[in-house]
Structures are given as C-alpha cells and as structure tokens.
C-alpha atoms as a PDB file:
ATOM      1  CA  UNK A   1      82.103  11.752  14.724  1.00  0.00           C
ATOM      2  CA  UNK A   2      84.383   8.865  13.309  1.00  0.00           C
ATOM      3  CA  UNK A   3      87.202  10.664  11.628  1.00  0.00           C
ATOM      4  CA  UNK A   4      89.699   8.026  11.089  1.00  0.00           C
ATOM      5  CA  UNK A   5      90.395   4.122  11.593  1.00  0.00           C
ATOM      6  CA  UNK A   6      93.818   3.148  12.767  1.00  0.00           C
ATOM      7  CA  UNK A   7      95.424  -0.131  13.928  1.00  0.00           C
ATOM      8  CA  UNK A   8      98.438   0.484  16.209  1.00  0.00           C
ATOM      9  CA  UNK A   9     101.876  -0.925  16.072  1.00  0.00           C
ATOM     10  CA  UNK A  10     101.438  -2.880  19.064  1.00  0.00           C
ATOM     11  CA  UNK A  11      98.786  -5.006  17.221  1.00  0.00           C
ATOM     12  CA  UNK A  12     100.964  -6.104  14.426  1.00  0.00           C
ATOM     13  CA  UNK A  13     103.728  -6.640  16.723  1.00  0.00           C
ATOM     14  CA  UNK A  14     101.694  -9.293  18.519  1.00  0.00           C
ATOM     15  CA  UNK A  15      99.972 -10.417  15.048  1.00  0.00           C
ATOM     16  CA  UNK A  16     102.446  -9.632  12.338  1.00  0.00           C
ATOM     17  CA  UNK A  17     100.547 -11.671   9.599  1.00  0.00           C
ATOM     18  CA  UNK A  18      97.003 -10.243  10.411  1.00  0.00           C
ATOM     19  CA  UNK A  19      94.530  -7.821   8.639  1.00  0.00           C
ATOM     20  CA  UNK A  20      91.544  -6.143   9.808  1.00  0.00           C
ATOM     21  CA  UNK A  21      88.389  -5.560   7.225  1.00  0.00           C
ATOM     22  CA  UNK A  22      86.771  -2.520   7.695  1.00  0.00           C
ATOM     23  CA  UNK A  23      83.794  -1.410   6.241  1.00  0.00           C
ATOM     24  CA  UNK A  24      81.861   2.273   6.394  1.00  0.00           C
ATOM     25  CA  UNK A  25      77.873   2.158   5.805  1.00  0.00           C
ATOM     26  CA  UNK A  26      75.651   4.933   6.142  1.00  0.00           C
ATOM     27  CA  UNK A  27      71.710   5.370   5.056  1.00  0.00           C
ATOM     28  CA  UNK A  28      70.823   2.359   7.393  1.00  0.00           C
ATOM     29  CA  UNK A  29      67.369   1.991   8.802  1.00  0.00           C
ATOM     30  CA  UNK A  30      67.638   0.064  11.924  1.00  0.00           C
ATOM     31  CA  UNK A  31      64.287   0.394  13.189  1.00  0.00           C
ATOM     32  CA  UNK A  32      62.984  -3.249  14.171  1.00  0.00           C
ATOM     33  CA  UNK A  33      59.405  -4.179  12.124  1.00  0.00           C
ATOM     34  CA  UNK A  34      57.935  -7.506  11.510  1.00  0.00           C
ATOM     35  CA  UNK A  35      58.078  -6.735   7.270  1.00  0.00           C
ATOM     36  CA  UNK A  36      61.034  -8.836   7.259  1.00  0.00           C
ATOM     37  CA  UNK A  37      61.025 -10.760  10.541  1.00  0.00           C
ATOM     38  CA  UNK A  38      60.516 -13.965   9.030  1.00  0.00           C
ATOM     39  CA  UNK A  39      63.128 -13.644   6.347  1.00  0.00           C
ATOM     40  CA  UNK A  40      65.574 -12.822   9.451  1.00  0.00           C
ATOM     41  CA  UNK A  41      64.499 -16.099  11.170  1.00  0.00           C
ATOM     42  CA  UNK A  42      65.366 -17.935   7.999  1.00  0.00           C
ATOM     43  CA  UNK A  43      68.430 -16.061   7.894  1.00  0.00           C
ATOM     44  CA  UNK A  44      70.064 -17.037  11.431  1.00  0.00           C
ATOM     45  CA  UNK A  45      68.435 -20.440  10.801  1.00  0.00           C
ATOM     46  CA  UNK A  46      70.654 -21.266   7.919  1.00  0.00           C
ATOM     47  CA  UNK A  47      73.740 -19.530   9.883  1.00  0.00           C
ATOM     48  CA  UNK A  48      73.291 -21.933  12.517  1.00  0.00           C
ATOM     49  CA  UNK A  49      73.400 -24.506   9.951  1.00  0.00           C
ATOM     50  CA  UNK A  50      76.599 -23.367   8.232  1.00  0.00           C
ATOM     51  CA  UNK A  51      78.222 -22.735  11.861  1.00  0.00           C
ATOM     52  CA  UNK A  52      77.999 -26.732  12.091  1.00  0.00           C
ATOM     53  CA  UNK A  53      81.501 -26.921  10.024  1.00  0.00           C
ATOM     54  CA  UNK A  54      83.327 -24.986  12.332  1.00  0.00           C
ATOM     55  CA  UNK A  55      82.064 -27.423  15.067  1.00  0.00           C
ATOM     56  CA  UNK A  56      82.851 -30.930  13.934  1.00  0.00           C
ATOM     57  CA  UNK A  57      85.250 -31.694  16.971  1.00  0.00           C
ATOM     58  CA  UNK A  58      84.401 -34.029  19.611  1.00  0.00           C
ATOM     59  CA  UNK A  59      85.566 -31.100  22.287  1.00  0.00           C
ATOM     60  CA  UNK A  60      84.213 -27.587  21.810  1.00  0.00           C
ATOM     61  CA  UNK A  61      87.561 -26.102  22.343  1.00  0.00           C
ATOM     62  CA  UNK A  62      89.386 -28.452  19.937  1.00  0.00           C
ATOM     63  CA  UNK A  63      87.476 -27.141  16.981  1.00  0.00           C
ATOM     64  CA  UNK A  64      90.007 -24.820  15.021  1.00  0.00           C
ATOM     65  CA  UNK A  65      88.316 -21.547  15.398  1.00  0.00           C
ATOM     66  CA  UNK A  66      87.849 -21.678  18.860  1.00  0.00           C
ATOM     67  CA  UNK A  67      91.657 -22.954  19.240  1.00  0.00           C
ATOM     68  CA  UNK A  68      93.231 -20.249  16.961  1.00  0.00           C
ATOM     69  CA  UNK A  69      91.140 -17.372  19.080  1.00  0.00           C
ATOM     70  CA  UNK A  70      92.213 -18.788  22.435  1.00  0.00           C
ATOM     71  CA  UNK A  71      95.875 -18.826  21.640  1.00  0.00           C
ATOM     72  CA  UNK A  72      95.359 -15.390  20.235  1.00  0.00           C
ATOM     73  CA  UNK A  73      93.890 -14.078  23.382  1.00  0.00           C
ATOM     74  CA  UNK A  74      97.172 -15.383  25.289  1.00  0.00           C
ATOM     75  CA  UNK A  75      99.053 -12.674  23.596  1.00  0.00           C
ATOM     76  CA  UNK A  76      97.645 -10.114  26.007  1.00  0.00           C
ATOM     77  CA  UNK A  77      96.278  -8.761  29.209  1.00  0.00           C
ATOM     78  CA  UNK A  78      92.527  -9.813  29.592  1.00  0.00           C
ATOM     79  CA  UNK A  79      90.107 -10.519  32.541  1.00  0.00           C
ATOM     80  CA  UNK A  80      89.744 -14.655  33.252  1.00  0.00           C
ATOM     81  CA  UNK A  81      86.831 -16.047  31.306  1.00  0.00           C
ATOM     82  CA  UNK A  82      87.068 -13.801  28.666  1.00  0.00           C
ATOM     83  CA  UNK A  83      86.646 -15.098  24.951  1.00  0.00           C
ATOM     84  CA  UNK A  84      86.503 -13.885  21.086  1.00  0.00           C
ATOM     85  CA  UNK A  85      82.628 -12.919  20.264  1.00  0.00           C
ATOM     86  CA  UNK A  86      82.863 -15.578  17.405  1.00  0.00           C
ATOM     87  CA  UNK A  87      83.540 -18.110  20.107  1.00  0.00           C
ATOM     88  CA  UNK A  88      80.454 -16.745  22.225  1.00  0.00           C
ATOM     89  CA  UNK A  89      78.158 -17.213  19.372  1.00  0.00           C
ATOM     90  CA  UNK A  90      79.134 -20.658  18.610  1.00  0.00           C
ATOM     91  CA  UNK A  91      78.851 -21.770  21.911  1.00  0.00           C
ATOM     92  CA  UNK A  92      75.414 -21.285  21.591  1.00  0.00           C
ATOM     93  CA  UNK A  93      74.993 -23.136  18.601  1.00  0.00           C
ATOM     94  CA  UNK A  94      76.971 -25.854  20.311  1.00  0.00           C
ATOM     95  CA  UNK A  95      74.408 -25.979  22.896  1.00  0.00           C
ATOM     96  CA  UNK A  96      71.337 -25.924  20.616  1.00  0.00           C
ATOM     97  CA  UNK A  97      70.309 -22.475  21.325  1.00  0.00           C
ATOM     98  CA  UNK A  98      68.343 -20.745  18.796  1.00  0.00           C
ATOM     99  CA  UNK A  99      69.698 -17.166  17.948  1.00  0.00           C
ATOM    100  CA  UNK A 100      66.246 -14.986  18.169  1.00  0.00           C
ATOM    101  CA  UNK A 101      66.323 -11.835  15.936  1.00  0.00           C
ATOM    102  CA  UNK A 102      67.385  -8.481  17.684  1.00  0.00           C
ATOM    103  CA  UNK A 103      67.835  -5.883  15.148  1.00  0.00           C
ATOM    104  CA  UNK A 104      67.995  -5.920  11.319  1.00  0.00           C
ATOM    105  CA  UNK A 105      71.619  -4.888  11.497  1.00  0.00           C
ATOM    106  CA  UNK A 106      72.794  -7.108  14.353  1.00  0.00           C
ATOM    107  CA  UNK A 107      70.721 -10.131  12.641  1.00  0.00           C
ATOM    108  CA  UNK A 108      72.615  -9.585   9.471  1.00  0.00           C
ATOM    109  CA  UNK A 109      75.903  -9.456  11.011  1.00  0.00           C
ATOM    110  CA  UNK A 110      75.304 -12.118  13.709  1.00  0.00           C
ATOM    111  CA  UNK A 111      74.395 -14.436  10.497  1.00  0.00           C
ATOM    112  CA  UNK A 112      77.264 -13.418   8.573  1.00  0.00           C
ATOM    113  CA  UNK A 113      79.616 -14.420  11.423  1.00  0.00           C
ATOM    114  CA  UNK A 114      78.303 -17.485  12.123  1.00  0.00           C
ATOM    115  CA  UNK A 115      78.305 -18.289   8.244  1.00  0.00           C
ATOM    116  CA  UNK A 116      81.855 -17.752   8.148  1.00  0.00           C
ATOM    117  CA  UNK A 117      83.574 -18.304  11.769  1.00  0.00           C
ATOM    118  CA  UNK A 118      84.508 -15.083  12.112  1.00  0.00           C
ATOM    119  CA  UNK A 119      84.053 -11.931  14.622  1.00  0.00           C
ATOM    120  CA  UNK A 120      82.218  -9.335  13.658  1.00  0.00           C
ATOM    121  CA  UNK A 121      81.762  -5.736  15.337  1.00  0.00           C
ATOM    122  CA  UNK A 122      79.851  -2.782  14.462  1.00  0.00           C
ATOM    123  CA  UNK A 123      79.496   1.093  16.104  1.00  0.00           C
ATOM    124  CA  UNK A 124      77.836   3.937  15.623  1.00  0.00           C
ATOM    125  CA  UNK A 125      79.985   6.266  13.546  1.00  0.00           C
ATOM    126  CA  UNK A 126      78.408   9.412  15.155  1.00  0.00           C
ATOM    127  CA  UNK A 127      78.502   8.253  18.757  1.00  0.00           C
ATOM    128  CA  UNK A 128      82.459   7.555  18.133  1.00  0.00           C
ATOM    129  CA  UNK A 129      85.303  10.455  19.171  1.00  0.00           C
ATOM    130  CA  UNK A 130      87.538  11.159  16.833  1.00  0.00           C
ATOM    131  CA  UNK A 131      89.812   8.693  15.387  1.00  0.00           C
ATOM    132  CA  UNK A 132      89.403   5.251  16.578  1.00  0.00           C
ATOM    133  CA  UNK A 133      92.408   2.756  17.359  1.00  0.00           C
ATOM    134  CA  UNK A 134      93.155  -0.860  18.046  1.00  0.00           C
ATOM    135  CA  UNK A 135      96.015  -1.371  19.805  1.00  0.00           C
ATOM    136  CA  UNK A 136      97.683  -2.301  23.297  1.00  0.00           C
ATOM    137  CA  UNK A 137      95.935   0.186  26.265  1.00  0.00           C
ATOM    138  CA  UNK A 138      96.728   1.352  29.635  1.00  0.00           C
ATOM    139  CA  UNK A 139      94.915   0.508  32.577  1.00  0.00           C
ATOM    140  CA  UNK A 140      91.692   2.828  33.461  1.00  0.00           C
ATOM    141  CA  UNK A 141      90.042   3.739  30.094  1.00  0.00           C
ATOM    142  CA  UNK A 142      86.733   4.108  30.964  1.00  0.00           C
ATOM    143  CA  UNK A 143      84.339   1.484  29.587  1.00  0.00           C
ATOM    144  CA  UNK A 144      80.482   0.623  30.263  1.00  0.00           C
ATOM    145  CA  UNK A 145      79.805  -2.619  28.461  1.00  0.00           C
ATOM    146  CA  UNK A 146      76.641  -3.040  26.821  1.00  0.00           C
ATOM    147  CA  UNK A 147      73.536  -3.625  29.446  1.00  0.00           C
ATOM    148  CA  UNK A 148      75.764  -2.860  32.213  1.00  0.00           C
ATOM    149  CA  UNK A 149      75.413   0.035  34.857  1.00  0.00           C
ATOM    150  CA  UNK A 150      79.065   0.039  36.114  1.00  0.00           C
ATOM    151  CA  UNK A 151      82.369   1.536  34.559  1.00  0.00           C
ATOM    152  CA  UNK A 152      84.677  -1.497  33.834  1.00  0.00           C
ATOM    153  CA  UNK A 153      87.880   0.070  32.938  1.00  0.00           C
ATOM    154  CA  UNK A 154      90.485  -1.674  30.659  1.00  0.00           C
ATOM    155  CA  UNK A 155      93.710  -3.471  32.310  1.00  0.00           C
ATOM    156  CA  UNK A 156      97.104  -2.333  31.667  1.00  0.00           C
ATOM    157  CA  UNK A 157      98.684  -3.995  28.276  1.00  0.00           C
ATOM    158  CA  UNK A 158      94.859  -5.078  26.859  1.00  0.00           C
ATOM    159  CA  UNK A 159      94.301  -5.064  23.470  1.00  0.00           C
ATOM    160  CA  UNK A 160      91.382  -2.996  23.060  1.00  0.00           C
ATOM    161  CA  UNK A 161      89.672  -0.788  20.410  1.00  0.00           C
ATOM    162  CA  UNK A 162      89.396   2.967  21.626  1.00  0.00           C
ATOM    163  CA  UNK A 163      89.086   6.734  20.747  1.00  0.00           C
ATOM    164  CA  UNK A 164      89.305  10.092  22.471  1.00  0.00           C
ATOM    165  CA  UNK A 165      86.510   9.217  25.162  1.00  0.00           C
ATOM    166  CA  UNK A 166      87.825   5.673  26.247  1.00  0.00           C
ATOM    167  CA  UNK A 167      87.446   2.080  25.424  1.00  0.00           C
ATOM    168  CA  UNK A 168      84.922   1.085  22.694  1.00  0.00           C
ATOM    169  CA  UNK A 169      85.426  -2.377  22.477  1.00  0.00           C
ATOM    170  CA  UNK A 170      87.573  -4.548  24.829  1.00  0.00           C
ATOM    171  CA  UNK A 171      90.118  -7.535  24.578  1.00  0.00           C
ATOM    172  CA  UNK A 172      89.973  -7.137  21.229  1.00  0.00           C
ATOM    173  CA  UNK A 173      86.514  -8.141  20.217  1.00  0.00           C
ATOM    174  CA  UNK A 174      84.966  -9.343  23.167  1.00  0.00           C
ATOM    175  CA  UNK A 175      82.689  -6.880  24.558  1.00  0.00           C
ATOM    176  CA  UNK A 176      81.472  -3.273  23.192  1.00  0.00           C
ATOM    177  CA  UNK A 177      80.845  -0.235  24.689  1.00  0.00           C
ATOM    178  CA  UNK A 178      77.067   1.103  25.239  1.00  0.00           C
ATOM    179  CA  UNK A 179      78.417   4.492  24.573  1.00  0.00           C
ATOM    180  CA  UNK A 180      78.810   3.700  20.742  1.00  0.00           C
ATOM    181  CA  UNK A 181      76.749   0.408  20.380  1.00  0.00           C
ATOM    182  CA  UNK A 182      74.312   0.942  17.562  1.00  0.00           C
ATOM    183  CA  UNK A 183      70.535   1.418  18.314  1.00  0.00           C
ATOM    184  CA  UNK A 184      67.354   2.038  16.044  1.00  0.00           C
ATOM    185  CA  UNK A 185      67.944   5.689  15.650  1.00  0.00           C
ATOM    186  CA  UNK A 186      72.003   4.920  14.267  1.00  0.00           C
ATOM    187  CA  UNK A 187      72.145   5.263  10.465  1.00  0.00           C
ATOM    188  CA  UNK A 188      75.642   4.911  10.157  1.00  0.00           C
ATOM    189  CA  UNK A 189      77.893   2.301  10.813  1.00  0.00           C
ATOM    190  CA  UNK A 190      81.623   1.202  11.087  1.00  0.00           C
ATOM    191  CA  UNK A 191      82.131  -2.386  10.824  1.00  0.00           C
ATOM    192  CA  UNK A 192      84.901  -4.045  11.764  1.00  0.00           C
ATOM    193  CA  UNK A 193      86.586  -8.191  11.043  1.00  0.00           C
ATOM    194  CA  UNK A 194      89.575  -8.796  13.010  1.00  0.00           C
ATOM    195  CA  UNK A 195      91.698 -11.769  11.598  1.00  0.00           C
ATOM    196  CA  UNK A 196      95.208 -13.232  13.033  1.00  0.00           C
ATOM    197  CA  UNK A 197      96.304 -15.503  10.581  1.00  0.00           C
ATOM    198  CA  UNK A 198      95.524 -16.038   6.584  1.00  0.00           C
ATOM    199  CA  UNK A 199      92.858 -18.750   7.049  1.00  0.00           C
ATOM    200  CA  UNK A 200      90.884 -16.170   9.217  1.00  0.00           C
ATOM    201  CA  UNK A 201      91.625 -13.314   6.682  1.00  0.00           C
ATOM    202  CA  UNK A 202      90.097 -15.822   3.751  1.00  0.00           C
ATOM    203  CA  UNK A 203      87.285 -16.086   5.511  1.00  0.00           C
ATOM    204  CA  UNK A 204      87.057 -12.317   6.312  1.00  0.00           C
ATOM    205  CA  UNK A 205      87.029 -11.242   3.035  1.00  0.00           C
ATOM    206  CA  UNK A 206      83.767 -14.179   1.943  1.00  0.00           C
ATOM    207  CA  UNK A 207      82.277 -12.600   5.081  1.00  0.00           C
ATOM    208  CA  UNK A 208      82.582  -8.899   3.385  1.00  0.00           C
ATOM    209  CA  UNK A 209      80.860 -10.253   0.432  1.00  0.00           C
ATOM    210  CA  UNK A 210      78.180 -11.518   1.824  1.00  0.00           C
ATOM    211  CA  UNK A 211      77.832  -8.454   4.356  1.00  0.00           C
ATOM    212  CA  UNK A 212      77.415  -6.438   0.895  1.00  0.00           C
ATOM    213  CA  UNK A 213      75.127  -8.365  -0.470  1.00  0.00           C
ATOM    214  CA  UNK A 214      72.592  -8.434   2.758  1.00  0.00           C
ATOM    215  CA  UNK A 215      73.309  -4.481   3.395  1.00  0.00           C
ATOM    216  CA  UNK A 216      71.667  -3.826  -0.114  1.00  0.00           C
ATOM    217  CA  UNK A 217      69.185  -7.049   0.393  1.00  0.00           C
ATOM    218  CA  UNK A 218      67.670  -5.391   4.023  1.00  0.00           C
ATOM    219  CA  UNK A 219      68.906  -1.896   3.717  1.00  0.00           C
ATOM    220  CA  UNK A 220      69.079  -0.769  -0.012  1.00  0.00           C
ATOM    221  CA  UNK A 221      72.613   0.343   0.759  1.00  0.00           C
ATOM    222  CA  UNK A 222      76.301  -0.553  -0.516  1.00  0.00           C
ATOM    223  CA  UNK A 223      79.429   0.482   1.359  1.00  0.00           C
ATOM    224  CA  UNK A 224      80.804   4.075   1.583  1.00  0.00           C
ATOM    225  CA  UNK A 225      84.057   2.321   1.811  1.00  0.00           C
ATOM    226  CA  UNK A 226      85.341  -1.318   2.385  1.00  0.00           C
ATOM    227  CA  UNK A 227      89.172  -1.605   2.940  1.00  0.00           C
ATOM    228  CA  UNK A 228      91.826  -3.955   4.482  1.00  0.00           C
ATOM    229  CA  UNK A 229      94.356  -2.498   6.553  1.00  0.00           C
ATOM    230  CA  UNK A 230      97.323  -4.380   7.361  1.00  0.00           C
ATOM    231  CA  UNK A 231     100.481  -3.294   8.812  1.00  0.00           C
ATOM    232  CA  UNK A 232     101.969  -1.611   5.752  1.00  0.00           C
ATOM    233  CA  UNK A 233      98.532   0.343   5.424  1.00  0.00           C
ATOM    234  CA  UNK A 234      97.081   0.694   9.012  1.00  0.00           C
ATOM    235  CA  UNK A 235      94.786   3.200   8.325  1.00  0.00           C
ATOM    236  CA  UNK A 236      91.825   4.547   6.733  1.00  0.00           C
ATOM    237  CA  UNK A 237      90.131   7.955   6.613  1.00  0.00           C
ATOM    238  CA  UNK A 238      86.467   8.520   7.234  1.00  0.00           C
ATOM    239  CA  UNK A 239      85.356  11.155   4.257  1.00  0.00           C
END
C-alpha cells in the first residue's frame, strides 16, 4: 500500500524549475461497461481535436511539446528510442489514428493528457509497496512493463519512479510496470503529472482542474488530495 510520494533531490538537480502534480483518488469503479461508452468516444475525439494545437509545426519533432521533452530525456540514461508518454499519444494523433476506448479511467486521463499536452500517469495505490519515489536509480531495479512477459530492469543513472519492490514507471513517464497498473478491480489511484518548465507546469495545473471535473462526472468522486511537489516541498503523505 502506498504510504508517501517523494521526489528525490537527484530529480531537482536535473530539473530545478520543475514541479510534479500529485492527485490521490479513491472510490473509483473502473469496470468497463457500455453505459458511458459513447460519451468516452466523444471525449477522446474532442481531445484529439484539441491536440492539434500542439502539432502545428511541419515536422513532428519540431513541435514545442515534443522538442522540450526530448531535450529533457537527454539529461539521464535511457534506452535508445525511449520517448515521453505524451509524445506517443501525440504521434498517434499526428498519424490520424483514432484513440479507442480502453477503460473509463484510462480514457479520462488520456483525453486530458492530449487536451493539455502533458504526460499523465496513474498507479494503483494498493499495489504499491510503501513510499513511491521519483529520482535517478541504480542498475537492476526489477521491472516488467505492461503487456510484457520478461523482466526489463533499470539502467544505471535512469530517471524512474520506484518503490520498495522495484521500478514503477521507467524513464520518467515512458512506460508503467505491470505490477502496479490499474485494472478493473482498482478503486484507489495515484495520478502524477511531471513538468520540467513553467509552460508545462501551467498546462499541468489546468489539466488537474479538468481531471477533477471528469472524475466527478464519470465516477462521482472528488480527489482525496491534490498537491504540487517542488524542490522546496518534495513529499506528500498518504493518509
């Protein structure tokens, strides 16, 4: 069970002007039903339209959102070809691929991610082991990605989310672990949005407002806690 979220000094040393939005939620029913399927399809479609605001440059990698995250990823060790999660979503829109509904909560946070051009991650609070950290890690932290059958441990000097049992999300926000992922039975989540500059932070704050409204609309819940972590206030306890 998650007890605390802490962003380590090693993160702030690389990204001193960053912030990390944390939202703790509970009471979610994440079972996929047809009740709101059409509404979720519309939500994703509208988000794809809004994402066009971040795809104005002629070349995909010249767009500001893409460029700033690629530069951020140059600051730590990573596997070749690893990109921020928001780039993967925007690339699908850029290619004209429609996002299909997955589950209520995933659809909600994917729509907000696209609408605001920010990476959003979510983990199951009850599957996490103790304190969850974000920072530079050592080689060999256990990690099995969602949908994978083999272990893919961390690299020395990689930026990752981790807990007492291993890596939770590798390369900042690139890929989540199967161990801590949300599923239909999940009722408690911890949502994270990383920002490495002030423009991203402003969009992240707007994303939190939208998430709050959509959580109430789709799940009838309000966040248990929503905080902004900075280098001067890098931790939040889960009560």
